[in-house]
C-alpha atoms as a PDB file:
ATOM      1  CA  MET A   1      12.630 -37.415 -37.792  1.00  0.00           C
ATOM      2  CA  SER A   2       9.407 -38.110 -36.730  1.00  0.00           C
ATOM      3  CA  LYS A   3       6.566 -40.550 -39.367  1.00  0.00           C
ATOM      4  CA  THR A   4       3.628 -39.229 -39.887  1.00  0.00           C
ATOM      5  CA  THR A   5       0.834 -40.981 -40.339  1.00  0.00           C
ATOM      6  CA  THR A   6      -2.805 -40.003 -42.345  1.00  0.00           C
ATOM      7  CA  ARG A   7      -5.544 -41.322 -43.117  1.00  0.00           C
ATOM      8  CA  ALA A   8      -8.017 -41.197 -45.929  1.00  0.00           C
ATOM      9  CA  PHE A   9     -11.158 -38.435 -45.338  1.00  0.00           C
ATOM     10  CA  ASP A  10     -14.136 -38.959 -44.402  1.00  0.00           C
ATOM     11  CA  SER A  11     -16.744 -36.522 -44.890  1.00  0.00           C
ATOM     12  CA  ALA A  12     -18.934 -38.814 -42.842  1.00  0.00           C
ATOM     13  CA  ASP A  13     -16.813 -37.336 -39.639  1.00  0.00           C
ATOM     14  CA  TYR A  14     -17.983 -33.997 -40.135  1.00  0.00           C
ATOM     15  CA  ILE A  15     -21.436 -34.554 -40.394  1.00  0.00           C
ATOM     16  CA  ASP A  16     -22.204 -33.437 -36.926  1.00  0.00           C
ATOM     17  CA  SER A  17     -25.499 -31.553 -35.745  1.00  0.00           C
ATOM     18  CA  PRO A  18     -28.284 -31.123 -38.117  1.00  0.00           C
ATOM     19  CA  GLU A  19     -27.575 -27.484 -39.581  1.00  0.00           C
ATOM     20  CA  ALA A  20     -24.772 -29.646 -41.146  1.00  0.00           C
ATOM     21  CA  VAL A  21     -26.684 -33.062 -42.345  1.00  0.00           C
ATOM     22  CA  ALA A  22     -29.246 -30.372 -43.882  1.00  0.00           C
ATOM     23  CA  ALA A  23     -26.560 -28.273 -46.033  1.00  0.00           C
ATOM     24  CA  TYR A  24     -24.743 -31.421 -46.882  1.00  0.00           C
ATOM     25  CA  LEU A  25     -27.862 -33.119 -48.351  1.00  0.00           C
ATOM     26  CA  GLU A  26     -29.437 -30.139 -49.708  1.00  0.00           C
ATOM     27  CA  ALA A  27     -26.040 -29.322 -51.788  1.00  0.00           C
ATOM     28  CA  ALA A  28     -26.590 -32.855 -53.531  1.00  0.00           C
ATOM     29  CA  LEU A  29     -30.293 -32.106 -54.409  1.00  0.00           C
ATOM     30  CA  GLU A  30     -28.747 -29.021 -55.615  1.00  0.00           C
ATOM     31  CA  ASP A  31     -26.524 -30.737 -57.805  1.00  0.00           C
ATOM     32  CA  GLY A  32     -28.569 -33.310 -59.350  1.00  0.00           C
ATOM     33  CA  ASP A  33     -26.973 -36.328 -59.524  1.00  0.00           C
ATOM     34  CA  ALA A  34     -28.492 -39.175 -58.245  1.00  0.00           C
ATOM     35  CA  LEU A  35     -24.968 -40.862 -57.575  1.00  0.00           C
ATOM     36  CA  ILE A  36     -24.053 -38.254 -55.946  1.00  0.00           C
ATOM     37  CA  ILE A  37     -26.860 -38.085 -54.072  1.00  0.00           C
ATOM     38  CA  ALA A  38     -26.976 -41.887 -52.891  1.00  0.00           C
ATOM     39  CA  ALA A  39     -23.157 -41.568 -51.765  1.00  0.00           C
ATOM     40  CA  THR A  40     -24.201 -38.263 -49.446  1.00  0.00           C
ATOM     41  CA  LEU A  41     -27.315 -40.206 -47.604  1.00  0.00           C
ATOM     42  CA  GLY A  42     -24.816 -42.931 -47.174  1.00  0.00           C
ATOM     43  CA  ASP A  43     -22.013 -40.349 -45.821  1.00  0.00           C
ATOM     44  CA  ILE A  44     -24.862 -39.520 -43.172  1.00  0.00           C
ATOM     45  CA  ALA A  45     -26.196 -42.415 -42.696  1.00  0.00           C
ATOM     46  CA  ARG A  46     -22.681 -43.971 -41.827  1.00  0.00           C
ATOM     47  CA  SER A  47     -22.319 -40.066 -39.281  1.00  0.00           C
ATOM     48  CA  LYS A  48     -25.188 -41.695 -37.135  1.00  0.00           C
ATOM     49  CA  GLY A  49     -24.509 -45.200 -37.578  1.00  0.00           C
ATOM     50  CA  MET A  50     -25.583 -47.682 -40.613  1.00  0.00           C
ATOM     51  CA  ALA A  51     -26.562 -50.025 -37.966  1.00  0.00           C
ATOM     52  CA  LEU A  52     -29.495 -48.105 -36.552  1.00  0.00           C
ATOM     53  CA  ILE A  53     -30.179 -46.740 -39.889  1.00  0.00           C
ATOM     54  CA  ALA A  54     -31.028 -50.560 -41.086  1.00  0.00           C
ATOM     55  CA  GLU A  55     -32.715 -51.216 -37.709  1.00  0.00           C
ATOM     56  CA  ARG A  56     -34.980 -48.309 -38.277  1.00  0.00           C
ATOM     57  CA  THR A  57     -35.423 -49.066 -41.742  1.00  0.00           C
ATOM     58  CA  GLY A  58     -35.952 -52.804 -41.759  1.00  0.00           C
ATOM     59  CA  LEU A  59     -33.227 -53.365 -44.219  1.00  0.00           C
ATOM     60  CA  ALA A  60     -29.906 -54.949 -43.909  1.00  0.00           C
ATOM     61  CA  ARG A  61     -26.719 -53.109 -42.929  1.00  0.00           C
ATOM     62  CA  GLU A  62     -25.050 -55.033 -45.743  1.00  0.00           C
ATOM     63  CA  ALA A  63     -27.634 -53.815 -48.247  1.00  0.00           C
ATOM     64  CA  LEU A  64     -27.934 -50.491 -46.909  1.00  0.00           C
ATOM     65  CA  TYR A  65     -23.829 -49.621 -47.380  1.00  0.00           C
ATOM     66  CA  LYS A  66     -24.337 -51.121 -51.235  1.00  0.00           C
ATOM     67  CA  SER A  67     -27.452 -48.700 -52.574  1.00  0.00           C
ATOM     68  CA  LEU A  68     -25.950 -45.447 -50.451  1.00  0.00           C
ATOM     69  CA  SER A  69     -22.322 -45.506 -52.176  1.00  0.00           C
ATOM     70  CA  ALA A  70     -21.502 -43.770 -54.955  1.00  0.00           C
ATOM     71  CA  ASP A  71     -22.354 -46.453 -57.462  1.00  0.00           C
ATOM     72  CA  GLY A  72     -25.360 -47.441 -55.521  1.00  0.00           C
ATOM     73  CA  ASN A  73     -28.922 -47.087 -57.670  1.00  0.00           C
ATOM     74  CA  PRO A  74     -30.873 -47.228 -54.378  1.00  0.00           C
ATOM     75  CA  ARG A  75     -34.624 -47.488 -55.294  1.00  0.00           C
ATOM     76  CA  LEU A  76     -37.071 -44.765 -54.670  1.00  0.00           C
ATOM     77  CA  THR A  77     -38.395 -46.612 -51.253  1.00  0.00           C
ATOM     78  CA  THR A  78     -35.233 -47.093 -49.569  1.00  0.00           C
ATOM     79  CA  LEU A  79     -34.043 -43.100 -49.979  1.00  0.00           C
ATOM     80  CA  LEU A  80     -37.393 -42.447 -48.168  1.00  0.00           C
ATOM     81  CA  GLY A  81     -37.065 -44.584 -45.223  1.00  0.00           C
ATOM     82  CA  VAL A  82     -33.239 -43.554 -44.932  1.00  0.00           C
ATOM     83  CA  LEU A  83     -34.478 -40.230 -45.003  1.00  0.00           C
ATOM     84  CA  LYS A  84     -37.340 -41.030 -41.774  1.00  0.00           C
ATOM     85  CA  ALA A  85     -34.745 -43.049 -40.286  1.00  0.00           C
ATOM     86  CA  MET A  86     -32.838 -39.874 -40.284  1.00  0.00           C
ATOM     87  CA  GLY A  87     -35.258 -37.794 -39.351  1.00  0.00           C
ATOM     88  CA  LEU A  88     -35.197 -35.798 -42.008  1.00  0.00           C
ATOM     89  CA  ARG A  89     -37.941 -35.470 -44.789  1.00  0.00           C
ATOM     90  CA  LEU A  90     -37.652 -34.041 -48.585  1.00  0.00           C
ATOM     91  CA  SER A  91     -40.054 -30.595 -49.495  1.00  0.00           C
ATOM     92  CA  VAL A  92     -40.486 -29.260 -52.909  1.00  0.00           C
ATOM     93  CA  THR A  93     -40.247 -25.664 -53.752  1.00  0.00           C
ATOM     94  CA  THR A  94     -40.013 -24.195 -57.697  1.00  0.00           C
ATOM     95  CA  ASP A  95     -36.994 -23.063 -59.469  1.00  0.00           C
ATOM     96  CA  ALA A  96     -37.372 -19.630 -60.864  1.00  0.00           C
ATOM     97  CA  GLN A  97     -35.111 -20.210 -63.465  1.00  0.00           C
ATOM     98  CA  ARG A  98     -37.041 -23.360 -65.193  1.00  0.00           C
ATOM     99  CA  GLY A  99     -40.631 -22.745 -64.329  1.00  0.00           C
ATOM    100  CA  VAL A 100     -43.296 -25.618 -65.708  1.00  0.00           C
END
């Protein structure tokens, strides 16, 4: 009988194209939960290489891991810096159901 080996699911392993990045982040933004958005950005950053993102943002890798985790609470400047480092930008659209 052979042993079955398993490993924990890591969504960063499946974020492998710009379209996947955009779809994953869009889903998190639609949810609207700040903790989910931060964790999603962390997953995307890990898929790109956290060391590379840290270098591009000028932030410590450990600080990025902490702030872009499910328990993190990143500052807006951190989020914007990470998005820029990954070649992403935010855009705003109206919510027809809510209106202003």
